[in-house]
Amino acid sequence: MLKKVDRNIWVAEQKLKYWGLEVGTRMTVIRLKSGEIVVISPIMVDEATINQINDIGEVSQIIAPNLYHHLSISDFQSIYPNAKICAAPGLESKRPDIKIDKVLSQGTLGKQDEIEYFLFKGFKILDLKGVSSLNELVFFHRESRTLILTDTAFHFDDSFPFTTQLTMRVVGGYNKLEPSILEKLAIREKEKVKESIQAVLNWDFERVIVAHGSILEKAGKEKLKKGYEWVLFT
């Protein structure tokens, strides 16, 4: 079900296991001043959630924000065939089965530039294939002063299962807003990451919505800055 976060911004969540740990996942739904709906990082939705979305506006854009959060794009496309599919660079090669209408890199959404976004450069992750690019787009919803991240930072707390909490205490992301040690080990272009996080910190945000973990309602900028000290002050 959709949960209202602030004026014109909602989230929906579902359970998700990664390497056997419950980490959950979250999509963000934003209504532009035109009434059109932008969906960032779509998840599997039921009929009740679809009805909620339809009640608040017409879905015009569905965004895959990085090279990993794309699994529900096709399902959303079948529900909203008139919506444009937008994606992070590289997804057109990874998912040739998806008709991508626009590859995003940097810009704004909405006639009044209600959402700003850009590609977070230099960020890498460790996965089963080794070191891989993430190619994540980060978003700022100006009206609600909300930053929207996907995999560039995590924020797990005691609302998650004990095994998840214990693991995140070791690898990072427990009661902190930061990448895990797996990302820190993979990243070599620290200067690019530094430039990207500095650009994020130039936005006037208070709240941070993450795809994995709990939403930070307050002091999001301060906590993100602290979580990226390893590149900001080196």
C-alpha atoms as a PDB file:
ATOM      1  CA  MET A   1       0.000   0.000   0.000  1.00  0.00           C
ATOM      2  CA  LEU A   2       1.101   3.575  -0.624  1.00  0.00           C
ATOM      3  CA  LYS A   3       2.200   5.556   2.418  1.00  0.00           C
ATOM      4  CA  LYS A   4       2.125   9.328   2.260  1.00  0.00           C
ATOM      5  CA  VAL A   5       5.471  10.852   3.206  1.00  0.00           C
ATOM      6  CA  ASP A   6       4.733  14.510   2.579  1.00  0.00           C
ATOM      7  CA  ARG A   7       2.774  16.664   0.186  1.00  0.00           C
ATOM      8  CA  ASN A   8       2.849  15.061  -3.278  1.00  0.00           C
ATOM      9  CA  ILE A   9       5.232  12.257  -2.318  1.00  0.00           C
ATOM     10  CA  TRP A  10       4.475   8.653  -1.312  1.00  0.00           C
ATOM     11  CA  VAL A  11       6.335   5.371  -0.899  1.00  0.00           C
ATOM     12  CA  ALA A  12       5.443   1.687  -1.173  1.00  0.00           C
ATOM     13  CA  GLU A  13       7.494  -1.155   0.268  1.00  0.00           C
ATOM     14  CA  GLN A  14       7.931  -4.887  -0.112  1.00  0.00           C
ATOM     15  CA  LYS A  15      10.049  -7.581   1.459  1.00  0.00           C
ATOM     16  CA  LEU A  16      13.304  -8.506  -0.248  1.00  0.00           C
ATOM     17  CA  LYS A  17      16.122 -10.838   0.685  1.00  0.00           C
ATOM     18  CA  TYR A  18      19.696 -10.179  -0.419  1.00  0.00           C
ATOM     19  CA  TRP A  19      22.316 -12.824   0.350  1.00  0.00           C
ATOM     20  CA  GLY A  20      19.781 -14.367   2.738  1.00  0.00           C
ATOM     21  CA  LEU A  21      19.180 -11.145   4.679  1.00  0.00           C
ATOM     22  CA  GLU A  22      15.874  -9.297   4.805  1.00  0.00           C
ATOM     23  CA  VAL A  23      16.692  -5.819   3.495  1.00  0.00           C
ATOM     24  CA  GLY A  24      13.341  -4.799   2.021  1.00  0.00           C
ATOM     25  CA  THR A  25      12.944  -2.505  -0.945  1.00  0.00           C
ATOM     26  CA  ARG A  26      11.004   0.680  -1.567  1.00  0.00           C
ATOM     27  CA  MET A  27       9.667   2.677  -4.489  1.00  0.00           C
ATOM     28  CA  THR A  28       8.910   6.391  -4.462  1.00  0.00           C
ATOM     29  CA  VAL A  29       5.877   7.981  -6.100  1.00  0.00           C
ATOM     30  CA  ILE A  30       5.839  11.722  -6.783  1.00  0.00           C
ATOM     31  CA  ARG A  31       2.968  13.815  -8.136  1.00  0.00           C
ATOM     32  CA  LEU A  32       4.071  16.753 -10.255  1.00  0.00           C
ATOM     33  CA  LYS A  33       2.170  20.026 -10.268  1.00  0.00           C
ATOM     34  CA  SER A  34       0.658  18.980 -13.597  1.00  0.00           C
ATOM     35  CA  GLY A  35      -0.952  16.005 -11.838  1.00  0.00           C
ATOM     36  CA  GLU A  36       1.308  13.525 -13.612  1.00  0.00           C
ATOM     37  CA  ILE A  37       2.934  10.764 -11.569  1.00  0.00           C
ATOM     38  CA  VAL A  38       6.624   9.820 -11.558  1.00  0.00           C
ATOM     39  CA  VAL A  39       7.500   6.374 -10.178  1.00  0.00           C
ATOM     40  CA  ILE A  40      11.102   5.821  -9.070  1.00  0.00           C
ATOM     41  CA  SER A  41      12.395   2.261  -8.578  1.00  0.00           C
ATOM     42  CA  PRO A  42       9.107   0.372  -9.131  1.00  0.00           C
ATOM     43  CA  ILE A  43       8.338  -2.736  -7.089  1.00  0.00           C
ATOM     44  CA  MET A  44       5.698  -5.437  -7.425  1.00  0.00           C
ATOM     45  CA  VAL A  45       2.296  -3.922  -6.675  1.00  0.00           C
ATOM     46  CA  ASP A  46      -1.120  -5.354  -5.943  1.00  0.00           C
ATOM     47  CA  GLU A  47      -4.488  -4.126  -7.162  1.00  0.00           C
ATOM     48  CA  ALA A  48      -5.046  -1.996  -4.059  1.00  0.00           C
ATOM     49  CA  THR A  49      -1.777  -0.116  -4.607  1.00  0.00           C
ATOM     50  CA  ILE A  50      -2.547   0.348  -8.295  1.00  0.00           C
ATOM     51  CA  ASN A  51      -5.905   1.866  -7.349  1.00  0.00           C
ATOM     52  CA  GLN A  52      -4.192   4.196  -4.886  1.00  0.00           C
ATOM     53  CA  ILE A  53      -1.777   5.365  -7.558  1.00  0.00           C
ATOM     54  CA  ASN A  54      -4.606   5.894 -10.026  1.00  0.00           C
ATOM     55  CA  ASP A  55      -6.488   7.954  -7.437  1.00  0.00           C
ATOM     56  CA  ILE A  56      -3.661  10.480  -7.087  1.00  0.00           C
ATOM     57  CA  GLY A  57      -2.828  10.975 -10.760  1.00  0.00           C
ATOM     58  CA  GLU A  58      -1.773   9.510 -14.094  1.00  0.00           C
ATOM     59  CA  VAL A  59       1.556   7.697 -14.269  1.00  0.00           C
ATOM     60  CA  SER A  60       3.624   9.433 -16.952  1.00  0.00           C
ATOM     61  CA  GLN A  61       7.169   8.266 -16.155  1.00  0.00           C
ATOM     62  CA  ILE A  62       8.579   5.045 -14.711  1.00  0.00           C
ATOM     63  CA  ILE A  63      12.243   5.270 -13.734  1.00  0.00           C
ATOM     64  CA  ALA A  64      14.829   2.538 -13.252  1.00  0.00           C
ATOM     65  CA  PRO A  65      17.328   4.523 -11.111  1.00  0.00           C
ATOM     66  CA  ASN A  66      20.336   2.226 -11.489  1.00  0.00           C
ATOM     67  CA  LEU A  67      21.550  -1.002 -13.096  1.00  0.00           C
ATOM     68  CA  TYR A  68      20.084  -3.182 -10.324  1.00  0.00           C
ATOM     69  CA  HIS A  69      16.624  -1.766  -9.654  1.00  0.00           C
ATOM     70  CA  HIS A  70      14.881  -2.771 -12.866  1.00  0.00           C
ATOM     71  CA  LEU A  71      13.180  -6.098 -12.120  1.00  0.00           C
ATOM     72  CA  SER A  72       9.644  -4.696 -11.924  1.00  0.00           C
ATOM     73  CA  ILE A  73       9.940  -2.294 -14.859  1.00  0.00           C
ATOM     74  CA  SER A  74       8.246  -4.660 -17.315  1.00  0.00           C
ATOM     75  CA  ASP A  75       5.357  -5.311 -14.914  1.00  0.00           C
ATOM     76  CA  PHE A  76       4.801  -1.592 -14.426  1.00  0.00           C
ATOM     77  CA  GLN A  77       5.028  -1.035 -18.151  1.00  0.00           C
ATOM     78  CA  SER A  78       2.225  -3.555 -18.720  1.00  0.00           C
ATOM     79  CA  ILE A  79       0.038  -1.784 -16.133  1.00  0.00           C
ATOM     80  CA  TYR A  80       0.807   1.691 -17.507  1.00  0.00           C
ATOM     81  CA  PRO A  81       1.527   1.222 -21.231  1.00  0.00           C
ATOM     82  CA  ASN A  82       1.303   4.961 -21.958  1.00  0.00           C
ATOM     83  CA  ALA A  83       3.984   5.880 -19.429  1.00  0.00           C
ATOM     84  CA  LYS A  84       7.516   6.595 -20.619  1.00  0.00           C
ATOM     85  CA  ILE A  85      10.276   4.302 -19.370  1.00  0.00           C
ATOM     86  CA  CYS A  86      13.344   6.227 -18.235  1.00  0.00           C
ATOM     87  CA  ALA A  87      16.531   4.578 -17.066  1.00  0.00           C
ATOM     88  CA  ALA A  88      20.060   5.023 -15.834  1.00  0.00           C
ATOM     89  CA  PRO A  89      22.807   4.813 -18.479  1.00  0.00           C
ATOM     90  CA  GLY A  90      23.745   1.261 -19.372  1.00  0.00           C
ATOM     91  CA  LEU A  91      20.405  -0.366 -18.669  1.00  0.00           C
ATOM     92  CA  GLU A  92      19.566  -0.318 -22.356  1.00  0.00           C
ATOM     93  CA  SER A  93      22.439  -2.791 -22.850  1.00  0.00           C
ATOM     94  CA  LYS A  94      21.715  -4.861 -19.755  1.00  0.00           C
ATOM     95  CA  ARG A  95      17.979  -5.149 -20.486  1.00  0.00           C
ATOM     96  CA  PRO A  96      17.529  -5.029 -24.281  1.00  0.00           C
ATOM     97  CA  ASP A  97      14.086  -6.581 -23.737  1.00  0.00           C
ATOM     98  CA  ILE A  98      12.836  -3.326 -22.219  1.00  0.00           C
ATOM     99  CA  LYS A  99      11.832  -0.492 -24.534  1.00  0.00           C
ATOM    100  CA  ILE A 100      13.519   2.467 -22.875  1.00  0.00           C
ATOM    101  CA  ASP A 101      12.176   5.817 -24.013  1.00  0.00           C
ATOM    102  CA  LYS A 102      14.874   7.977 -22.452  1.00  0.00           C
ATOM    103  CA  VAL A 103      18.262   7.447 -20.814  1.00  0.00           C
ATOM    104  CA  LEU A 104      18.719   9.943 -17.987  1.00  0.00           C
ATOM    105  CA  SER A 105      21.970  11.571 -16.894  1.00  0.00           C
ATOM    106  CA  GLN A 106      21.277  15.021 -15.472  1.00  0.00           C
ATOM    107  CA  GLY A 107      18.305  17.335 -15.528  1.00  0.00           C
ATOM    108  CA  THR A 108      14.918  18.109 -14.038  1.00  0.00           C
ATOM    109  CA  LEU A 109      11.406  16.661 -14.134  1.00  0.00           C
ATOM    110  CA  GLY A 110       8.209  18.681 -14.197  1.00  0.00           C
ATOM    111  CA  LYS A 111       7.432  21.940 -15.966  1.00  0.00           C
ATOM    112  CA  GLN A 112       8.474  23.816 -12.839  1.00  0.00           C
ATOM    113  CA  ASP A 113      11.616  21.699 -12.279  1.00  0.00           C
ATOM    114  CA  GLU A 114      10.076  20.032  -9.234  1.00  0.00           C
ATOM    115  CA  ILE A 115      12.544  17.140  -9.292  1.00  0.00           C
ATOM    116  CA  GLU A 116      16.270  17.482  -9.920  1.00  0.00           C
ATOM    117  CA  TYR A 117      18.484  14.515 -10.696  1.00  0.00           C
ATOM    118  CA  PHE A 118      21.989  13.559 -11.800  1.00  0.00           C
ATOM    119  CA  LEU A 119      24.202  10.514 -12.249  1.00  0.00           C
ATOM    120  CA  PHE A 120      26.263   9.683  -9.153  1.00  0.00           C
ATOM    121  CA  LYS A 121      29.660   9.083 -10.767  1.00  0.00           C
ATOM    122  CA  GLY A 122      32.476   6.800  -9.656  1.00  0.00           C
ATOM    123  CA  PHE A 123      30.322   4.507  -7.523  1.00  0.00           C
ATOM    124  CA  LYS A 124      31.065   0.766  -7.790  1.00  0.00           C
ATOM    125  CA  ILE A 125      29.749  -2.296  -5.971  1.00  0.00           C
ATOM    126  CA  LEU A 126      30.970  -5.806  -5.229  1.00  0.00           C
ATOM    127  CA  ASP A 127      28.599  -8.478  -6.482  1.00  0.00           C
ATOM    128  CA  LEU A 128      28.858 -12.095  -7.602  1.00  0.00           C
ATOM    129  CA  LYS A 129      30.611 -10.980 -10.803  1.00  0.00           C
ATOM    130  CA  GLY A 130      33.207  -8.922  -8.929  1.00  0.00           C
ATOM    131  CA  VAL A 131      33.381  -5.143  -9.181  1.00  0.00           C
ATOM    132  CA  SER A 132      30.445  -3.694 -11.127  1.00  0.00           C
ATOM    133  CA  SER A 133      29.181  -0.232 -11.979  1.00  0.00           C
ATOM    134  CA  LEU A 134      26.004   0.957 -10.299  1.00  0.00           C
ATOM    135  CA  ASN A 135      25.211   3.967 -12.501  1.00  0.00           C
ATOM    136  CA  GLU A 136      22.771   5.398  -9.984  1.00  0.00           C
ATOM    137  CA  LEU A 137      20.613   8.434 -10.544  1.00  0.00           C
ATOM    138  CA  VAL A 138      19.960  10.418  -7.361  1.00  0.00           C
ATOM    139  CA  PHE A 139      16.875  12.629  -7.028  1.00  0.00           C
ATOM    140  CA  PHE A 140      15.840  15.721  -5.084  1.00  0.00           C
ATOM    141  CA  HIS A 141      12.152  16.597  -4.635  1.00  0.00           C
ATOM    142  CA  ARG A 142      12.271  20.301  -3.961  1.00  0.00           C
ATOM    143  CA  GLU A 143       8.759  20.775  -2.525  1.00  0.00           C
ATOM    144  CA  SER A 144       9.223  18.248   0.297  1.00  0.00           C
ATOM    145  CA  ARG A 145      12.990  18.780   0.684  1.00  0.00           C
ATOM    146  CA  THR A 146      13.487  15.059   0.124  1.00  0.00           C
ATOM    147  CA  LEU A 147      16.552  13.275  -1.244  1.00  0.00           C
ATOM    148  CA  ILE A 148      15.836   9.939  -2.917  1.00  0.00           C
ATOM    149  CA  LEU A 149      18.636   7.363  -2.995  1.00  0.00           C
ATOM    150  CA  THR A 150      18.602   3.741  -4.095  1.00  0.00           C
ATOM    151  CA  ASP A 151      21.875   1.909  -3.431  1.00  0.00           C
ATOM    152  CA  THR A 152      24.318   4.746  -2.750  1.00  0.00           C
ATOM    153  CA  ALA A 153      23.460   4.608   0.969  1.00  0.00           C
ATOM    154  CA  PHE A 154      21.596   2.343   3.389  1.00  0.00           C
ATOM    155  CA  HIS A 155      19.955   3.010   6.735  1.00  0.00           C
ATOM    156  CA  PHE A 156      18.996  -0.055   8.770  1.00  0.00           C
ATOM    157  CA  ASP A 157      17.643   0.186  12.298  1.00  0.00           C
ATOM    158  CA  ASP A 158      16.009  -2.015  14.927  1.00  0.00           C
ATOM    159  CA  SER A 159      12.855  -2.377  12.839  1.00  0.00           C
ATOM    160  CA  PHE A 160      14.725  -4.993  10.784  1.00  0.00           C
ATOM    161  CA  PRO A 161      15.317  -8.642  11.790  1.00  0.00           C
ATOM    162  CA  PHE A 162      18.145  -9.301  14.239  1.00  0.00           C
ATOM    163  CA  THR A 163      20.285 -11.064  11.631  1.00  0.00           C
ATOM    164  CA  THR A 164      20.077  -8.026   9.356  1.00  0.00           C
ATOM    165  CA  GLN A 165      20.932  -5.697  12.225  1.00  0.00           C
ATOM    166  CA  LEU A 166      23.908  -7.822  13.257  1.00  0.00           C
ATOM    167  CA  THR A 167      25.288  -8.037   9.731  1.00  0.00           C
ATOM    168  CA  MET A 168      24.890  -4.324   9.097  1.00  0.00           C
ATOM    169  CA  ARG A 169      26.714  -3.524  12.314  1.00  0.00           C
ATOM    170  CA  VAL A 170      29.686  -5.292  10.728  1.00  0.00           C
ATOM    171  CA  VAL A 171      29.459  -4.197   7.089  1.00  0.00           C
ATOM    172  CA  GLY A 172      27.969  -0.718   7.592  1.00  0.00           C
ATOM    173  CA  GLY A 173      24.590   0.919   7.257  1.00  0.00           C
ATOM    174  CA  TYR A 174      23.259   0.182  10.749  1.00  0.00           C
ATOM    175  CA  ASN A 175      21.876   3.392  12.274  1.00  0.00           C
ATOM    176  CA  LYS A 176      24.082   5.231   9.804  1.00  0.00           C
ATOM    177  CA  LEU A 177      23.364   6.646   6.370  1.00  0.00           C
ATOM    178  CA  GLU A 178      26.205   5.218   4.323  1.00  0.00           C
ATOM    179  CA  PRO A 179      27.259   2.597   1.762  1.00  0.00           C
ATOM    180  CA  SER A 180      28.378  -0.782   3.065  1.00  0.00           C
ATOM    181  CA  ILE A 181      31.970  -1.931   3.215  1.00  0.00           C
ATOM    182  CA  LEU A 182      31.342  -3.869  -0.019  1.00  0.00           C
ATOM    183  CA  GLU A 183      30.865  -0.619  -1.921  1.00  0.00           C
ATOM    184  CA  LYS A 184      33.758   1.095  -0.158  1.00  0.00           C
ATOM    185  CA  LEU A 185      36.107  -1.736  -1.151  1.00  0.00           C
ATOM    186  CA  ALA A 186      34.944  -1.626  -4.768  1.00  0.00           C
ATOM    187  CA  ILE A 187      35.301   2.119  -5.280  1.00  0.00           C
ATOM    188  CA  ARG A 188      38.566   3.263  -6.830  1.00  0.00           C
ATOM    189  CA  GLU A 189      37.582   6.629  -8.308  1.00  0.00           C
ATOM    190  CA  LYS A 190      37.156   8.351  -4.968  1.00  0.00           C
ATOM    191  CA  GLU A 191      37.543  11.813  -6.469  1.00  0.00           C
ATOM    192  CA  LYS A 192      34.485  11.278  -8.683  1.00  0.00           C
ATOM    193  CA  VAL A 193      32.513   9.975  -5.712  1.00  0.00           C
ATOM    194  CA  LYS A 194      33.616  12.993  -3.703  1.00  0.00           C
ATOM    195  CA  GLU A 195      32.416  15.364  -6.421  1.00  0.00           C
ATOM    196  CA  SER A 196      29.091  13.540  -6.606  1.00  0.00           C
ATOM    197  CA  ILE A 197      28.417  13.561  -2.863  1.00  0.00           C
ATOM    198  CA  GLN A 198      29.380  17.228  -2.675  1.00  0.00           C
ATOM    199  CA  ALA A 199      26.826  17.956  -5.396  1.00  0.00           C
ATOM    200  CA  VAL A 200      24.188  16.010  -3.439  1.00  0.00           C
ATOM    201  CA  LEU A 201      25.011  17.979  -0.293  1.00  0.00           C
ATOM    202  CA  ASN A 202      24.419  21.236  -2.196  1.00  0.00           C
ATOM    203  CA  TRP A 203      20.719  20.355  -2.338  1.00  0.00           C
ATOM    204  CA  ASP A 204      18.523  21.727   0.459  1.00  0.00           C
ATOM    205  CA  PHE A 205      17.164  18.439   1.812  1.00  0.00           C
ATOM    206  CA  GLU A 206      16.126  17.310   5.274  1.00  0.00           C
ATOM    207  CA  ARG A 207      14.496  13.932   4.618  1.00  0.00           C
ATOM    208  CA  VAL A 208      16.221  10.983   2.909  1.00  0.00           C
ATOM    209  CA  ILE A 209      14.312   8.104   1.323  1.00  0.00           C
ATOM    210  CA  VAL A 210      16.445   5.012   0.731  1.00  0.00           C
ATOM    211  CA  ALA A 211      15.460   1.860  -1.139  1.00  0.00           C
ATOM    212  CA  HIS A 212      16.881  -0.393   1.593  1.00  0.00           C
ATOM    213  CA  GLY A 213      16.429   0.560   5.220  1.00  0.00           C
ATOM    214  CA  SER A 214      14.299   3.085   7.061  1.00  0.00           C
ATOM    215  CA  ILE A 215      13.431   6.595   5.920  1.00  0.00           C
ATOM    216  CA  LEU A 216      15.321   9.383   7.681  1.00  0.00           C
ATOM    217  CA  GLU A 217      12.846  12.163   8.429  1.00  0.00           C
ATOM    218  CA  LYS A 218      15.262  14.625  10.023  1.00  0.00           C
ATOM    219  CA  ALA A 219      18.921  15.648   9.796  1.00  0.00           C
ATOM    220  CA  GLY A 220      19.353  13.655   6.594  1.00  0.00           C
ATOM    221  CA  LYS A 221      22.000  15.957   5.168  1.00  0.00           C
ATOM    222  CA  GLU A 222      24.146  15.844   8.308  1.00  0.00           C
ATOM    223  CA  LYS A 223      23.913  12.051   8.508  1.00  0.00           C
ATOM    224  CA  LEU A 224      24.734  11.572   4.836  1.00  0.00           C
ATOM    225  CA  LYS A 225      27.737  13.867   5.148  1.00  0.00           C
ATOM    226  CA  LYS A 226      28.960  11.822   8.101  1.00  0.00           C
ATOM    227  CA  GLY A 227      28.352   8.595   6.207  1.00  0.00           C
ATOM    228  CA  TYR A 228      30.580   9.813   3.380  1.00  0.00           C
ATOM    229  CA  GLU A 229      33.417  11.179   5.518  1.00  0.00           C
ATOM    230  CA  TRP A 230      35.652   8.444   4.079  1.00  0.00           C
ATOM    231  CA  VAL A 231      35.739  10.294   0.747  1.00  0.00           C
ATOM    232  CA  LEU A 232      34.954  13.864   1.769  1.00  0.00           C
ATOM    233  CA  PHE A 233      37.945  14.210   4.069  1.00  0.00           C
ATOM    234  CA  THR A 234      40.594  12.122   2.312  1.00  0.00           C
END
